[in-house]
Amino acid sequence: MSTFSIFLVLITIVCFLLIVVIMVQNPKGGGLSSTISGTQMLGGVQKTTDFLDRSTWTLATILIALILLSSLSFTGSLSDTDSKIIEKTEAAPANTPAAPVQQKPAPAAPAAK
């Protein structure tokens, strides 16, 4: 399993967790907080909101870090140095014949009087 595949799996897991945490929240103060309905589960409503807010920011930060680190794992056949497009564009000018350069005749000198 390549390094990029490991990053891809981790990014997928973090995305799924981030979706779940965001879906649990409610922008109007409801969400998971409203389902607790006043009981002191998970340390109260404010603690639940703080936990969801921190977990959202933490997962978003982890996601950005994983994406940046995964871009460093592009090596081998997928790297820019081995690109077939780059090879074709570099080889194309060498294979095409140069167009003949047409020279204009020098203007005639004015006649002496």
C-alpha atoms as a PDB file:
ATOM      1  CA  MET A   1       0.000   0.000   0.000  1.00  0.00           C
ATOM      2  CA  SER A   2       1.502   3.330  -1.048  1.00  0.00           C
ATOM      3  CA  THR A   3       1.817   6.392   1.140  1.00  0.00           C
ATOM      4  CA  PHE A   4      -0.758   8.221  -0.950  1.00  0.00           C
ATOM      5  CA  SER A   5      -3.270   5.406  -0.393  1.00  0.00           C
ATOM      6  CA  ILE A   6      -2.783   5.659   3.358  1.00  0.00           C
ATOM      7  CA  PHE A   7      -3.360   9.417   3.199  1.00  0.00           C
ATOM      8  CA  LEU A   8      -6.440   8.856   1.041  1.00  0.00           C
ATOM      9  CA  VAL A   9      -7.964   6.486   3.598  1.00  0.00           C
ATOM     10  CA  LEU A  10      -7.190   8.885   6.467  1.00  0.00           C
ATOM     11  CA  ILE A  11      -8.666  11.842   4.560  1.00  0.00           C
ATOM     12  CA  THR A  12     -11.832   9.838   3.879  1.00  0.00           C
ATOM     13  CA  ILE A  13     -12.226   8.925   7.564  1.00  0.00           C
ATOM     14  CA  VAL A  14     -11.667  12.528   8.698  1.00  0.00           C
ATOM     15  CA  CYS A  15     -14.179  13.784   6.104  1.00  0.00           C
ATOM     16  CA  PHE A  16     -16.789  11.330   7.331  1.00  0.00           C
ATOM     17  CA  LEU A  17     -16.225  12.355  10.963  1.00  0.00           C
ATOM     18  CA  LEU A  18     -16.373  16.026  10.017  1.00  0.00           C
ATOM     19  CA  ILE A  19     -19.693  15.483   8.226  1.00  0.00           C
ATOM     20  CA  VAL A  20     -21.119  13.705  11.268  1.00  0.00           C
ATOM     21  CA  VAL A  21     -19.984  16.446  13.672  1.00  0.00           C
ATOM     22  CA  ILE A  22     -21.382  19.191  11.446  1.00  0.00           C
ATOM     23  CA  MET A  23     -24.704  17.402  10.975  1.00  0.00           C
ATOM     24  CA  VAL A  24     -25.111  17.007  14.743  1.00  0.00           C
ATOM     25  CA  GLN A  25     -24.812  20.770  15.202  1.00  0.00           C
ATOM     26  CA  ASN A  26     -27.685  23.167  14.663  1.00  0.00           C
ATOM     27  CA  PRO A  27     -26.948  26.803  13.875  1.00  0.00           C
ATOM     28  CA  LYS A  28     -29.869  28.015  16.007  1.00  0.00           C
ATOM     29  CA  GLY A  29     -28.646  26.396  19.191  1.00  0.00           C
ATOM     30  CA  GLY A  30     -30.522  23.121  18.786  1.00  0.00           C
ATOM     31  CA  GLY A  31     -28.911  19.996  17.394  1.00  0.00           C
ATOM     32  CA  LEU A  32     -27.487  17.597  19.935  1.00  0.00           C
ATOM     33  CA  SER A  33     -27.992  20.217  22.623  1.00  0.00           C
ATOM     34  CA  SER A  34     -31.760  20.174  22.152  1.00  0.00           C
ATOM     35  CA  THR A  35     -31.986  16.373  22.321  1.00  0.00           C
ATOM     36  CA  ILE A  36     -30.404  16.356  25.767  1.00  0.00           C
ATOM     37  CA  SER A  37     -33.445  18.348  26.946  1.00  0.00           C
ATOM     38  CA  GLY A  38     -32.029  19.830  30.102  1.00  0.00           C
ATOM     39  CA  THR A  39     -30.376  16.776  31.592  1.00  0.00           C
ATOM     40  CA  GLN A  40     -26.744  16.990  32.589  1.00  0.00           C
ATOM     41  CA  MET A  41     -25.460  14.363  30.168  1.00  0.00           C
ATOM     42  CA  LEU A  42     -22.004  15.075  28.713  1.00  0.00           C
ATOM     43  CA  GLY A  43     -21.480  17.948  31.137  1.00  0.00           C
ATOM     44  CA  GLY A  44     -24.432  20.088  30.103  1.00  0.00           C
ATOM     45  CA  VAL A  45     -25.594  21.886  27.006  1.00  0.00           C
ATOM     46  CA  GLN A  46     -22.820  24.491  26.911  1.00  0.00           C
ATOM     47  CA  LYS A  47     -20.132  21.834  27.277  1.00  0.00           C
ATOM     48  CA  THR A  48     -21.698  19.870  24.403  1.00  0.00           C
ATOM     49  CA  THR A  49     -21.670  22.936  22.172  1.00  0.00           C
ATOM     50  CA  ASP A  50     -18.052  23.666  23.104  1.00  0.00           C
ATOM     51  CA  PHE A  51     -17.083  20.054  22.387  1.00  0.00           C
ATOM     52  CA  LEU A  52     -18.780  20.082  18.969  1.00  0.00           C
ATOM     53  CA  ASP A  53     -17.197  23.430  18.104  1.00  0.00           C
ATOM     54  CA  ARG A  54     -13.701  22.294  19.104  1.00  0.00           C
ATOM     55  CA  SER A  55     -14.066  18.956  17.356  1.00  0.00           C
ATOM     56  CA  THR A  56     -15.159  20.705  14.149  1.00  0.00           C
ATOM     57  CA  TRP A  57     -12.112  22.975  14.160  1.00  0.00           C
ATOM     58  CA  THR A  58      -9.806  20.110  15.118  1.00  0.00           C
ATOM     59  CA  LEU A  59     -11.081  17.835  12.349  1.00  0.00           C
ATOM     60  CA  ALA A  60     -10.879  20.671   9.807  1.00  0.00           C
ATOM     61  CA  THR A  61      -7.268  21.359  10.802  1.00  0.00           C
ATOM     62  CA  ILE A  62      -6.384  17.661  10.588  1.00  0.00           C
ATOM     63  CA  LEU A  63      -8.047  17.478   7.160  1.00  0.00           C
ATOM     64  CA  ILE A  64      -6.027  20.412   5.798  1.00  0.00           C
ATOM     65  CA  ALA A  65      -2.794  18.971   7.226  1.00  0.00           C
ATOM     66  CA  LEU A  66      -3.490  15.554   5.675  1.00  0.00           C
ATOM     67  CA  ILE A  67      -4.226  17.112   2.292  1.00  0.00           C
ATOM     68  CA  LEU A  68      -0.991  19.106   2.371  1.00  0.00           C
ATOM     69  CA  LEU A  69       1.027  16.082   3.470  1.00  0.00           C
ATOM     70  CA  SER A  70      -0.565  13.886   0.811  1.00  0.00           C
ATOM     71  CA  SER A  71       0.586  16.289  -1.888  1.00  0.00           C
ATOM     72  CA  LEU A  72       4.161  15.605  -0.779  1.00  0.00           C
ATOM     73  CA  SER A  73       3.675  11.882  -1.348  1.00  0.00           C
ATOM     74  CA  PHE A  74       3.321  12.248  -5.138  1.00  0.00           C
ATOM     75  CA  THR A  75       6.400  10.396  -6.340  1.00  0.00           C
ATOM     76  CA  GLY A  76       7.221   7.843  -8.940  1.00  0.00           C
ATOM     77  CA  SER A  77       5.106   7.528 -12.068  1.00  0.00           C
ATOM     78  CA  LEU A  78       2.757  10.356 -11.115  1.00  0.00           C
ATOM     79  CA  SER A  79       5.347  13.036 -10.426  1.00  0.00           C
ATOM     80  CA  ASP A  80       5.733  16.105 -12.622  1.00  0.00           C
ATOM     81  CA  THR A  81       9.195  15.061 -13.806  1.00  0.00           C
ATOM     82  CA  ASP A  82       7.790  11.908 -15.411  1.00  0.00           C
ATOM     83  CA  SER A  83       4.818  13.583 -17.062  1.00  0.00           C
ATOM     84  CA  LYS A  84       4.111  12.426 -20.609  1.00  0.00           C
ATOM     85  CA  ILE A  85       2.686  15.841 -21.503  1.00  0.00           C
ATOM     86  CA  ILE A  86       5.886  17.600 -20.501  1.00  0.00           C
ATOM     87  CA  GLU A  87       7.964  15.097 -22.485  1.00  0.00           C
ATOM     88  CA  LYS A  88       5.824  15.640 -25.602  1.00  0.00           C
ATOM     89  CA  THR A  89       6.046  19.418 -25.421  1.00  0.00           C
ATOM     90  CA  GLU A  90       9.805  19.336 -24.923  1.00  0.00           C
ATOM     91  CA  ALA A  91      10.335  16.864 -27.772  1.00  0.00           C
ATOM     92  CA  ALA A  92       7.963  18.570 -30.224  1.00  0.00           C
ATOM     93  CA  PRO A  93      10.167  21.564 -31.176  1.00  0.00           C
ATOM     94  CA  ALA A  94      13.155  19.302 -31.840  1.00  0.00           C
ATOM     95  CA  ASN A  95      11.208  17.074 -34.262  1.00  0.00           C
ATOM     96  CA  THR A  96       9.503  19.768 -36.318  1.00  0.00           C
ATOM     97  CA  PRO A  97      11.499  21.162 -39.259  1.00  0.00           C
ATOM     98  CA  ALA A  98      12.329  24.802 -39.022  1.00  0.00           C
ATOM     99  CA  ALA A  99      10.509  27.055 -41.463  1.00  0.00           C
ATOM    100  CA  PRO A 100      12.838  28.615 -44.037  1.00  0.00           C
ATOM    101  CA  VAL A 101      13.685  32.179 -43.266  1.00  0.00           C
ATOM    102  CA  GLN A 102      12.853  34.489 -46.112  1.00  0.00           C
ATOM    103  CA  GLN A 103      15.175  37.398 -46.477  1.00  0.00           C
ATOM    104  CA  LYS A 104      14.008  40.607 -48.043  1.00  0.00           C
ATOM    105  CA  PRO A 105      16.296  42.024 -50.714  1.00  0.00           C
ATOM    106  CA  ALA A 106      18.207  45.089 -49.685  1.00  0.00           C
ATOM    107  CA  PRO A 107      16.682  48.301 -50.990  1.00  0.00           C
ATOM    108  CA  ALA A 108      18.387  49.665 -54.060  1.00  0.00           C
ATOM    109  CA  ALA A 109      20.771  52.522 -53.448  1.00  0.00           C
ATOM    110  CA  PRO A 110      19.538  55.839 -54.843  1.00  0.00           C
ATOM    111  CA  ALA A 111      21.018  56.755 -58.203  1.00  0.00           C
ATOM    112  CA  ALA A 112      23.846  59.242 -58.118  1.00  0.00           C
ATOM    113  CA  LYS A 113      23.201  62.559 -59.890  1.00  0.00           C
END
